Amino acid sequence: MQRYTPQSVGDVLRDLLEQTSLQNRMDELKAADMWKRVAGNAIANLTGKPNVKNGVMYIGVPNASLRNELHMNRTRLREIINQNIGKEIITEIKFTT
């Protein structure tokens, strides 16, 4: 019988998250939650709830002029979100109708 060194529950859960790629999904959800803080309440109230899949953040924007303004600033928004998370999670932001 093989013996293992004792580990804390936190270490075991961290290892499990990394091995199953759940950590990436959790980071994507964290990035989606940051949208309101990054964009501000006024803009966040005018947009849909962000959805992140495979590093791409999709945000519904019904107003064409706002969508255009956000599109022009998407690189900076992406950088701010990634800086707040501490790693490159969002590779692209797409604003949809």
PDB file of N, CA and C in Angstrom:
ATOM      1  N   MET A   1       0.834  -1.172   0.000  1.00  0.00           N
ATOM      2  CA  MET A   1       0.000   0.000   0.000  1.00  0.00           C
ATOM      3  C   MET A   1       0.882   1.240   0.000  1.00  0.00           C
ATOM      4  N   GLN A   2       0.589   2.158  -0.905  1.00  0.00           N
ATOM      5  CA  GLN A   2       1.386   3.374  -1.038  1.00  0.00           C
ATOM      6  C   GLN A   2       0.834   4.458  -0.109  1.00  0.00           C
ATOM      7  N   ARG A   3       1.747   5.153   0.570  1.00  0.00           N
ATOM      8  CA  ARG A   3       1.341   6.223   1.473  1.00  0.00           C
ATOM      9  C   ARG A   3       1.602   7.565   0.820  1.00  0.00           C
ATOM     10  N   TYR A   4       0.726   8.498   1.067  1.00  0.00           N
ATOM     11  CA  TYR A   4       0.854   9.846   0.536  1.00  0.00           C
ATOM     12  C   TYR A   4       1.073  10.820   1.678  1.00  0.00           C
ATOM     13  N   THR A   5       1.755  11.904   1.364  1.00  0.00           N
ATOM     14  CA  THR A   5       1.931  12.934   2.384  1.00  0.00           C
ATOM     15  C   THR A   5       0.614  13.684   2.542  1.00  0.00           C
ATOM     16  N   PRO A   6       0.290  14.092   3.738  1.00  0.00           N
ATOM     17  CA  PRO A   6      -0.973  14.802   3.961  1.00  0.00           C
ATOM     18  C   PRO A   6      -0.982  16.155   3.229  1.00  0.00           C
ATOM     19  N   GLN A   7      -2.134  16.519   2.701  1.00  0.00           N
ATOM     20  CA  GLN A   7      -2.316  17.797   2.023  1.00  0.00           C
ATOM     21  C   GLN A   7      -3.555  18.475   2.581  1.00  0.00           C
ATOM     22  N   SER A   8      -3.539  19.793   2.537  1.00  0.00           N
ATOM     23  CA  SER A   8      -4.733  20.515   2.985  1.00  0.00           C
ATOM     24  C   SER A   8      -5.824  20.368   1.931  1.00  0.00           C
ATOM     25  N   VAL A   9      -7.039  20.562   2.350  1.00  0.00           N
ATOM     26  CA  VAL A   9      -8.174  20.471   1.435  1.00  0.00           C
ATOM     27  C   VAL A   9      -8.035  21.521   0.328  1.00  0.00           C
ATOM     28  N   GLY A  10      -7.574  22.716   0.677  1.00  0.00           N
ATOM     29  CA  GLY A  10      -7.383  23.781  -0.306  1.00  0.00           C
ATOM     30  C   GLY A  10      -6.408  23.382  -1.398  1.00  0.00           C
ATOM     31  N   ASP A  11      -5.290  22.732  -0.996  1.00  0.00           N
ATOM     32  CA  ASP A  11      -4.301  22.283  -1.986  1.00  0.00           C
ATOM     33  C   ASP A  11      -4.885  21.211  -2.901  1.00  0.00           C
ATOM     34  N   VAL A  12      -5.649  20.299  -2.331  1.00  0.00           N
ATOM     35  CA  VAL A  12      -6.261  19.229  -3.123  1.00  0.00           C
ATOM     36  C   VAL A  12      -7.241  19.825  -4.134  1.00  0.00           C
ATOM     37  N   LEU A  13      -8.068  20.776  -3.693  1.00  0.00           N
ATOM     38  CA  LEU A  13      -9.032  21.408  -4.601  1.00  0.00           C
ATOM     39  C   LEU A  13      -8.326  22.202  -5.699  1.00  0.00           C
ATOM     40  N   ARG A  14      -7.257  22.921  -5.350  1.00  0.00           N
ATOM     41  CA  ARG A  14      -6.492  23.664  -6.354  1.00  0.00           C
ATOM     42  C   ARG A  14      -5.912  22.729  -7.408  1.00  0.00           C
ATOM     43  N   ASP A  15      -5.349  21.615  -6.965  1.00  0.00           N
ATOM     44  CA  ASP A  15      -4.813  20.627  -7.904  1.00  0.00           C
ATOM     45  C   ASP A  15      -5.908  20.065  -8.801  1.00  0.00           C
ATOM     46  N   LEU A  16      -7.060  19.782  -8.223  1.00  0.00           N
ATOM     47  CA  LEU A  16      -8.185  19.249  -8.994  1.00  0.00           C
ATOM     48  C   LEU A  16      -8.649  20.251 -10.047  1.00  0.00           C
ATOM     49  N   LEU A  17      -8.762  21.526  -9.676  1.00  0.00           N
ATOM     50  CA  LEU A  17      -9.183  22.561 -10.627  1.00  0.00           C
ATOM     51  C   LEU A  17      -8.209  22.664 -11.789  1.00  0.00           C
ATOM     52  N   GLU A  18      -6.918  22.623 -11.494  1.00  0.00           N
ATOM     53  CA  GLU A  18      -5.911  22.734 -12.550  1.00  0.00           C
ATOM     54  C   GLU A  18      -5.919  21.509 -13.463  1.00  0.00           C
ATOM     55  N   GLN A  19      -6.097  20.332 -12.912  1.00  0.00           N
ATOM     56  CA  GLN A  19      -6.062  19.108 -13.699  1.00  0.00           C
ATOM     57  C   GLN A  19      -7.297  18.953 -14.588  1.00  0.00           C
ATOM     58  N   THR A  20      -8.415  19.517 -14.189  1.00  0.00           N
ATOM     59  CA  THR A  20      -9.655  19.330 -14.945  1.00  0.00           C
ATOM     60  C   THR A  20     -10.031  20.539 -15.789  1.00  0.00           C
ATOM     61  N   SER A  21      -9.194  21.528 -15.866  1.00  0.00           N
ATOM     62  CA  SER A  21      -9.428  22.758 -16.639  1.00  0.00           C
ATOM     63  C   SER A  21     -10.600  23.576 -16.097  1.00  0.00           C
ATOM     64  N   LEU A  22     -11.057  23.286 -14.916  1.00  0.00           N
ATOM     65  CA  LEU A  22     -12.130  24.074 -14.320  1.00  0.00           C
ATOM     66  C   LEU A  22     -11.640  25.463 -13.928  1.00  0.00           C
ATOM     67  N   GLN A  23     -10.346  25.590 -13.681  1.00  0.00           N
ATOM     68  CA  GLN A  23      -9.802  26.892 -13.301  1.00  0.00           C
ATOM     69  C   GLN A  23      -9.999  27.907 -14.428  1.00  0.00           C
ATOM     70  N   ASN A  24      -9.805  27.486 -15.684  1.00  0.00           N
ATOM     71  CA  ASN A  24     -10.017  28.392 -16.816  1.00  0.00           C
ATOM     72  C   ASN A  24     -11.463  28.861 -16.870  1.00  0.00           C
ATOM     73  N   ARG A  25     -12.385  27.958 -16.659  1.00  0.00           N
ATOM     74  CA  ARG A  25     -13.807  28.331 -16.698  1.00  0.00           C
ATOM     75  C   ARG A  25     -14.138  29.276 -15.549  1.00  0.00           C
ATOM     76  N   MET A  26     -13.577  29.030 -14.390  1.00  0.00           N
ATOM     77  CA  MET A  26     -13.815  29.915 -13.252  1.00  0.00           C
ATOM     78  C   MET A  26     -13.244  31.308 -13.524  1.00  0.00           C
ATOM     79  N   ASP A  27     -12.081  31.374 -14.168  1.00  0.00           N
ATOM     80  CA  ASP A  27     -11.496  32.661 -14.529  1.00  0.00           C
ATOM     81  C   ASP A  27     -12.355  33.392 -15.553  1.00  0.00           C
ATOM     82  N   GLU A  28     -12.940  32.652 -16.487  1.00  0.00           N
ATOM     83  CA  GLU A  28     -13.833  33.266 -17.474  1.00  0.00           C
ATOM     84  C   GLU A  28     -15.075  33.845 -16.801  1.00  0.00           C
ATOM     85  N   LEU A  29     -15.621  33.137 -15.835  1.00  0.00           N
ATOM     86  CA  LEU A  29     -16.784  33.642 -15.107  1.00  0.00           C
ATOM     87  C   LEU A  29     -16.422  34.876 -14.292  1.00  0.00           C
ATOM     88  N   LYS A  30     -15.224  34.876 -13.724  1.00  0.00           N
ATOM     89  CA  LYS A  30     -14.757  36.036 -12.982  1.00  0.00           C
ATOM     90  C   LYS A  30     -14.621  37.245 -13.911  1.00  0.00           C
ATOM     91  N   ALA A  31     -14.133  37.014 -15.133  1.00  0.00           N
ATOM     92  CA  ALA A  31     -13.989  38.093 -16.117  1.00  0.00           C
ATOM     93  C   ALA A  31     -15.358  38.656 -16.488  1.00  0.00           C
ATOM     94  N   ALA A  32     -16.344  37.801 -16.663  1.00  0.00           N
ATOM     95  CA  ALA A  32     -17.694  38.260 -16.992  1.00  0.00           C
ATOM     96  C   ALA A  32     -18.266  39.108 -15.862  1.00  0.00           C
ATOM     97  N   ASP A  33     -17.991  38.715 -14.631  1.00  0.00           N
ATOM     98  CA  ASP A  33     -18.468  39.482 -13.478  1.00  0.00           C
ATOM     99  C   ASP A  33     -17.799  40.851 -13.385  1.00  0.00           C
ATOM    100  N   MET A  34     -16.616  40.998 -13.935  1.00  0.00           N
ATOM    101  CA  MET A  34     -15.890  42.262 -13.865  1.00  0.00           C
ATOM    102  C   MET A  34     -16.432  43.314 -14.825  1.00  0.00           C
ATOM    103  N   TRP A  35     -17.251  42.925 -15.784  1.00  0.00           N
ATOM    104  CA  TRP A  35     -17.730  43.857 -16.795  1.00  0.00           C
ATOM    105  C   TRP A  35     -18.362  45.110 -16.182  1.00  0.00           C
ATOM    106  N   LYS A  36     -19.189  44.929 -15.166  1.00  0.00           N
ATOM    107  CA  LYS A  36     -19.879  46.067 -14.563  1.00  0.00           C
ATOM    108  C   LYS A  36     -18.882  47.040 -13.927  1.00  0.00           C
ATOM    109  N   ARG A  37     -17.856  46.527 -13.276  1.00  0.00           N
ATOM    110  CA  ARG A  37     -16.850  47.395 -12.659  1.00  0.00           C
ATOM    111  C   ARG A  37     -15.998  48.095 -13.704  1.00  0.00           C
ATOM    112  N   VAL A  38     -15.658  47.396 -14.774  1.00  0.00           N
ATOM    113  CA  VAL A  38     -14.788  47.960 -15.812  1.00  0.00           C
ATOM    114  C   VAL A  38     -15.540  48.969 -16.668  1.00  0.00           C
ATOM    115  N   ALA A  39     -16.758  48.637 -17.079  1.00  0.00           N
ATOM    116  CA  ALA A  39     -17.528  49.505 -17.969  1.00  0.00           C
ATOM    117  C   ALA A  39     -18.245  50.614 -17.207  1.00  0.00           C
ATOM    118  N   GLY A  40     -18.526  50.398 -15.940  1.00  0.00           N
ATOM    119  CA  GLY A  40     -19.299  51.364 -15.161  1.00  0.00           C
ATOM    120  C   GLY A  40     -20.777  50.995 -15.171  1.00  0.00           C
ATOM    121  N   ASN A  41     -21.479  51.475 -14.168  1.00  0.00           N
ATOM    122  CA  ASN A  41     -22.897  51.121 -14.025  1.00  0.00           C
ATOM    123  C   ASN A  41     -23.748  51.589 -15.197  1.00  0.00           C
ATOM    124  N   ALA A  42     -23.506  52.804 -15.679  1.00  0.00           N
ATOM    125  CA  ALA A  42     -24.339  53.354 -16.750  1.00  0.00           C
ATOM    126  C   ALA A  42     -24.260  52.496 -18.008  1.00  0.00           C
ATOM    127  N   ILE A  43     -23.058  52.150 -18.430  1.00  0.00           N
ATOM    128  CA  ILE A  43     -22.891  51.336 -19.640  1.00  0.00           C
ATOM    129  C   ILE A  43     -23.335  49.901 -19.392  1.00  0.00           C
ATOM    130  N   ALA A  44     -22.997  49.355 -18.236  1.00  0.00           N
ATOM    131  CA  ALA A  44     -23.380  47.975 -17.924  1.00  0.00           C
ATOM    132  C   ALA A  44     -24.898  47.810 -17.923  1.00  0.00           C
ATOM    133  N   ASN A  45     -25.622  48.849 -17.504  1.00  0.00           N
ATOM    134  CA  ASN A  45     -27.087  48.778 -17.511  1.00  0.00           C
ATOM    135  C   ASN A  45     -27.662  48.825 -18.918  1.00  0.00           C
ATOM    136  N   LEU A  46     -26.896  49.367 -19.872  1.00  0.00           N
ATOM    137  CA  LEU A  46     -27.350  49.444 -21.267  1.00  0.00           C
ATOM    138  C   LEU A  46     -26.965  48.222 -22.086  1.00  0.00           C
ATOM    139  N   THR A  47     -26.107  47.381 -21.530  1.00  0.00           N
ATOM    140  CA  THR A  47     -25.634  46.204 -22.256  1.00  0.00           C
ATOM    141  C   THR A  47     -26.194  44.945 -21.615  1.00  0.00           C
ATOM    142  N   GLY A  48     -26.079  43.849 -22.339  1.00  0.00           N
ATOM    143  CA  GLY A  48     -26.499  42.565 -21.801  1.00  0.00           C
ATOM    144  C   GLY A  48     -25.435  41.990 -20.891  1.00  0.00           C
ATOM    145  N   LYS A  49     -25.777  40.918 -20.232  1.00  0.00           N
ATOM    146  CA  LYS A  49     -24.822  40.234 -19.366  1.00  0.00           C
ATOM    147  C   LYS A  49     -23.767  39.549 -20.235  1.00  0.00           C
ATOM    148  N   PRO A  50     -22.496  39.774 -19.940  1.00  0.00           N
ATOM    149  CA  PRO A  50     -21.439  39.160 -20.756  1.00  0.00           C
ATOM    150  C   PRO A  50     -21.420  37.640 -20.628  1.00  0.00           C
ATOM    151  N   ASN A  51     -21.016  37.016 -21.709  1.00  0.00           N
ATOM    152  CA  ASN A  51     -20.831  35.577 -21.744  1.00  0.00           C
ATOM    153  C   ASN A  51     -19.425  35.336 -22.282  1.00  0.00           C
ATOM    154  N   VAL A  52     -18.655  34.503 -21.615  1.00  0.00           N
ATOM    155  CA  VAL A  52     -17.288  34.228 -22.046  1.00  0.00           C
ATOM    156  C   VAL A  52     -17.180  32.757 -22.406  1.00  0.00           C
ATOM    157  N   LYS A  53     -16.634  32.512 -23.604  1.00  0.00           N
ATOM    158  CA  LYS A  53     -16.436  31.135 -24.051  1.00  0.00           C
ATOM    159  C   LYS A  53     -15.126  31.064 -24.807  1.00  0.00           C
ATOM    160  N   ASN A  54     -14.257  30.184 -24.372  1.00  0.00           N
ATOM    161  CA  ASN A  54     -12.941  29.983 -24.995  1.00  0.00           C
ATOM    162  C   ASN A  54     -12.151  31.286 -25.134  1.00  0.00           C
ATOM    163  N   GLY A  55     -12.227  32.124 -24.114  1.00  0.00           N
ATOM    164  CA  GLY A  55     -11.447  33.358 -24.099  1.00  0.00           C
ATOM    165  C   GLY A  55     -12.080  34.526 -24.820  1.00  0.00           C
ATOM    166  N   VAL A  56     -13.233  34.327 -25.449  1.00  0.00           N
ATOM    167  CA  VAL A  56     -13.914  35.407 -26.165  1.00  0.00           C
ATOM    168  C   VAL A  56     -15.115  35.855 -25.329  1.00  0.00           C
ATOM    169  N   MET A  57     -15.160  37.160 -25.027  1.00  0.00           N
ATOM    170  CA  MET A  57     -16.268  37.722 -24.271  1.00  0.00           C
ATOM    171  C   MET A  57     -17.290  38.293 -25.250  1.00  0.00           C
ATOM    172  N   TYR A  58     -18.529  37.819 -25.140  1.00  0.00           N
ATOM    173  CA  TYR A  58     -19.629  38.288 -25.980  1.00  0.00           C
ATOM    174  C   TYR A  58     -20.541  39.155 -25.118  1.00  0.00           C
ATOM    175  N   ILE A  59     -20.821  40.381 -25.618  1.00  0.00           N
ATOM    176  CA  ILE A  59     -21.668  41.300 -24.878  1.00  0.00           C
ATOM    177  C   ILE A  59     -22.724  41.852 -25.832  1.00  0.00           C
ATOM    178  N   GLY A  60     -23.977  41.698 -25.474  1.00  0.00           N
ATOM    179  CA  GLY A  60     -25.065  42.236 -26.282  1.00  0.00           C
ATOM    180  C   GLY A  60     -25.225  43.729 -26.051  1.00  0.00           C
ATOM    181  N   VAL A  61     -25.218  44.496 -27.143  1.00  0.00           N
ATOM    182  CA  VAL A  61     -25.391  45.943 -27.065  1.00  0.00           C
ATOM    183  C   VAL A  61     -26.456  46.340 -28.089  1.00  0.00           C
ATOM    184  N   PRO A  62     -27.659  46.690 -27.636  1.00  0.00           N
ATOM    185  CA  PRO A  62     -28.737  46.994 -28.581  1.00  0.00           C
ATOM    186  C   PRO A  62     -28.579  48.329 -29.306  1.00  0.00           C
ATOM    187  N   ASN A  63     -27.838  49.250 -28.750  1.00  0.00           N
ATOM    188  CA  ASN A  63     -27.673  50.584 -29.326  1.00  0.00           C
ATOM    189  C   ASN A  63     -26.461  50.603 -30.256  1.00  0.00           C
ATOM    190  N   ALA A  64     -26.659  50.932 -31.541  1.00  0.00           N
ATOM    191  CA  ALA A  64     -25.584  50.881 -32.533  1.00  0.00           C
ATOM    192  C   ALA A  64     -24.454  51.863 -32.233  1.00  0.00           C
ATOM    193  N   SER A  65     -24.780  53.060 -31.787  1.00  0.00           N
ATOM    194  CA  SER A  65     -23.719  54.041 -31.515  1.00  0.00           C
ATOM    195  C   SER A  65     -22.887  53.619 -30.305  1.00  0.00           C
ATOM    196  N   LEU A  66     -23.527  53.078 -29.282  1.00  0.00           N
ATOM    197  CA  LEU A  66     -22.783  52.580 -28.117  1.00  0.00           C
ATOM    198  C   LEU A  66     -21.934  51.379 -28.507  1.00  0.00           C
ATOM    199  N   ARG A  67     -22.498  50.496 -29.327  1.00  0.00           N
ATOM    200  CA  ARG A  67     -21.754  49.320 -29.796  1.00  0.00           C
ATOM    201  C   ARG A  67     -20.497  49.750 -30.544  1.00  0.00           C
ATOM    202  N   ASN A  68     -20.608  50.778 -31.392  1.00  0.00           N
ATOM    203  CA  ASN A  68     -19.461  51.286 -32.141  1.00  0.00           C
ATOM    204  C   ASN A  68     -18.414  51.876 -31.196  1.00  0.00           C
ATOM    205  N   GLU A  69     -18.852  52.640 -30.206  1.00  0.00           N
ATOM    206  CA  GLU A  69     -17.933  53.252 -29.235  1.00  0.00           C
ATOM    207  C   GLU A  69     -17.197  52.178 -28.432  1.00  0.00           C
ATOM    208  N   LEU A  70     -17.925  51.173 -27.984  1.00  0.00           N
ATOM    209  CA  LEU A  70     -17.301  50.085 -27.234  1.00  0.00           C
ATOM    210  C   LEU A  70     -16.349  49.286 -28.117  1.00  0.00           C
ATOM    211  N   HIS A  71     -16.740  49.079 -29.360  1.00  0.00           N
ATOM    212  CA  HIS A  71     -15.888  48.345 -30.296  1.00  0.00           C
ATOM    213  C   HIS A  71     -14.533  49.045 -30.470  1.00  0.00           C
ATOM    214  N   MET A  72     -14.552  50.363 -30.526  1.00  0.00           N
ATOM    215  CA  MET A  72     -13.299  51.113 -30.693  1.00  0.00           C
ATOM    216  C   MET A  72     -12.424  51.034 -29.450  1.00  0.00           C
ATOM    217  N   ASN A  73     -13.025  50.762 -28.293  1.00  0.00           N
ATOM    218  CA  ASN A  73     -12.275  50.702 -27.033  1.00  0.00           C
ATOM    219  C   ASN A  73     -12.087  49.281 -26.509  1.00  0.00           C
ATOM    220  N   ARG A  74     -12.387  48.290 -27.335  1.00  0.00           N
ATOM    221  CA  ARG A  74     -12.374  46.900 -26.858  1.00  0.00           C
ATOM    222  C   ARG A  74     -10.996  46.420 -26.423  1.00  0.00           C
ATOM    223  N   THR A  75      -9.932  46.886 -27.070  1.00  0.00           N
ATOM    224  CA  THR A  75      -8.582  46.456 -26.686  1.00  0.00           C
ATOM    225  C   THR A  75      -8.254  46.918 -25.272  1.00  0.00           C
ATOM    226  N   ARG A  76      -8.563  48.166 -24.982  1.00  0.00           N
ATOM    227  CA  ARG A  76      -8.292  48.704 -23.641  1.00  0.00           C
ATOM    228  C   ARG A  76      -9.167  48.014 -22.594  1.00  0.00           C
ATOM    229  N   LEU A  77     -10.420  47.774 -22.911  1.00  0.00           N
ATOM    230  CA  LEU A  77     -11.305  47.069 -21.979  1.00  0.00           C
ATOM    231  C   LEU A  77     -10.774  45.669 -21.681  1.00  0.00           C
ATOM    232  N   ARG A  78     -10.324  44.978 -22.714  1.00  0.00           N
ATOM    233  CA  ARG A  78      -9.757  43.636 -22.543  1.00  0.00           C
ATOM    234  C   ARG A  78      -8.531  43.679 -21.644  1.00  0.00           C
ATOM    235  N   GLU A  79      -7.657  44.662 -21.872  1.00  0.00           N
ATOM    236  CA  GLU A  79      -6.448  44.790 -21.060  1.00  0.00           C
ATOM    237  C   GLU A  79      -6.782  45.027 -19.588  1.00  0.00           C
ATOM    238  N   ILE A  80      -7.757  45.883 -19.331  1.00  0.00           N
ATOM    239  CA  ILE A  80      -8.147  46.177 -17.943  1.00  0.00           C
ATOM    240  C   ILE A  80      -8.700  44.933 -17.259  1.00  0.00           C
ATOM    241  N   ILE A  81      -9.548  44.192 -17.956  1.00  0.00           N
ATOM    242  CA  ILE A  81     -10.110  42.969 -17.370  1.00  0.00           C
ATOM    243  C   ILE A  81      -8.998  41.971 -17.057  1.00  0.00           C
ATOM    244  N   ASN A  82      -8.097  41.746 -18.008  1.00  0.00           N
ATOM    245  CA  ASN A  82      -7.006  40.793 -17.798  1.00  0.00           C
ATOM    246  C   ASN A  82      -6.070  41.243 -16.680  1.00  0.00           C
ATOM    247  N   GLN A  83      -5.811  42.540 -16.583  1.00  0.00           N
ATOM    248  CA  GLN A  83      -4.956  43.044 -15.504  1.00  0.00           C
ATOM    249  C   GLN A  83      -5.596  42.797 -14.144  1.00  0.00           C
ATOM    250  N   ASN A  84      -6.909  43.003 -14.051  1.00  0.00           N
ATOM    251  CA  ASN A  84      -7.601  42.781 -12.782  1.00  0.00           C
ATOM    252  C   ASN A  84      -7.614  41.316 -12.379  1.00  0.00           C
ATOM    253  N   ILE A  85      -7.655  40.426 -13.346  1.00  0.00           N
ATOM    254  CA  ILE A  85      -7.631  38.992 -13.047  1.00  0.00           C
ATOM    255  C   ILE A  85      -6.207  38.522 -12.756  1.00  0.00           C
ATOM    256  N   GLY A  86      -5.241  39.155 -13.416  1.00  0.00           N
ATOM    257  CA  GLY A  86      -3.848  38.794 -13.177  1.00  0.00           C
ATOM    258  C   GLY A  86      -3.272  37.854 -14.211  1.00  0.00           C
ATOM    259  N   LYS A  87      -4.042  37.539 -15.237  1.00  0.00           N
ATOM    260  CA  LYS A  87      -3.541  36.708 -16.326  1.00  0.00           C
ATOM    261  C   LYS A  87      -4.386  36.916 -17.566  1.00  0.00           C
ATOM    262  N   GLU A  88      -3.897  36.442 -18.697  1.00  0.00           N
ATOM    263  CA  GLU A  88      -4.561  36.629 -19.989  1.00  0.00           C
ATOM    264  C   GLU A  88      -5.695  35.619 -20.139  1.00  0.00           C
ATOM    265  N   ILE A  89      -6.896  36.038 -19.760  1.00  0.00           N
ATOM    266  CA  ILE A  89      -8.072  35.181 -19.865  1.00  0.00           C
ATOM    267  C   ILE A  89      -8.883  35.558 -21.098  1.00  0.00           C
ATOM    268  N   ILE A  90      -9.109  36.849 -21.293  1.00  0.00           N
ATOM    269  CA  ILE A  90      -9.902  37.330 -22.405  1.00  0.00           C
ATOM    270  C   ILE A  90      -8.967  37.641 -23.574  1.00  0.00           C
ATOM    271  N   THR A  91      -9.187  36.971 -24.691  1.00  0.00           N
ATOM    272  CA  THR A  91      -8.367  37.212 -25.890  1.00  0.00           C
ATOM    273  C   THR A  91      -9.048  38.159 -26.843  1.00  0.00           C
ATOM    274  N   GLU A  92     -10.383  38.271 -26.748  1.00  0.00           N
ATOM    275  CA  GLU A  92     -11.130  39.139 -27.658  1.00  0.00           C
ATOM    276  C   GLU A  92     -12.472  39.474 -27.031  1.00  0.00           C
ATOM    277  N   ILE A  93     -12.986  40.669 -27.350  1.00  0.00           N
ATOM    278  CA  ILE A  93     -14.323  41.067 -26.923  1.00  0.00           C
ATOM    279  C   ILE A  93     -15.141  41.340 -28.185  1.00  0.00           C
ATOM    280  N   LYS A  94     -16.314  40.729 -28.245  1.00  0.00           N
ATOM    281  CA  LYS A  94     -17.215  40.933 -29.385  1.00  0.00           C
ATOM    282  C   LYS A  94     -18.524  41.515 -28.864  1.00  0.00           C
ATOM    283  N   PHE A  95     -18.951  42.611 -29.493  1.00  0.00           N
ATOM    284  CA  PHE A  95     -20.196  43.251 -29.147  1.00  0.00           C
ATOM    285  C   PHE A  95     -21.242  42.866 -30.176  1.00  0.00           C
ATOM    286  N   THR A  96     -22.334  42.299 -29.718  1.00  0.00           N
ATOM    287  CA  THR A  96     -23.367  41.779 -30.625  1.00  0.00           C
ATOM    288  C   THR A  96     -24.666  42.571 -30.456  1.00  0.00           C
ATOM    289  N   THR A  97     -25.575  42.382 -31.404  1.00  0.00           N
ATOM    290  CA  THR A  97     -26.861  43.085 -31.338  1.00  0.00           C
ATOM    291  C   THR A  97     -27.832  42.355 -30.428  1.00  0.00           C
TER     292      THR A  97
END
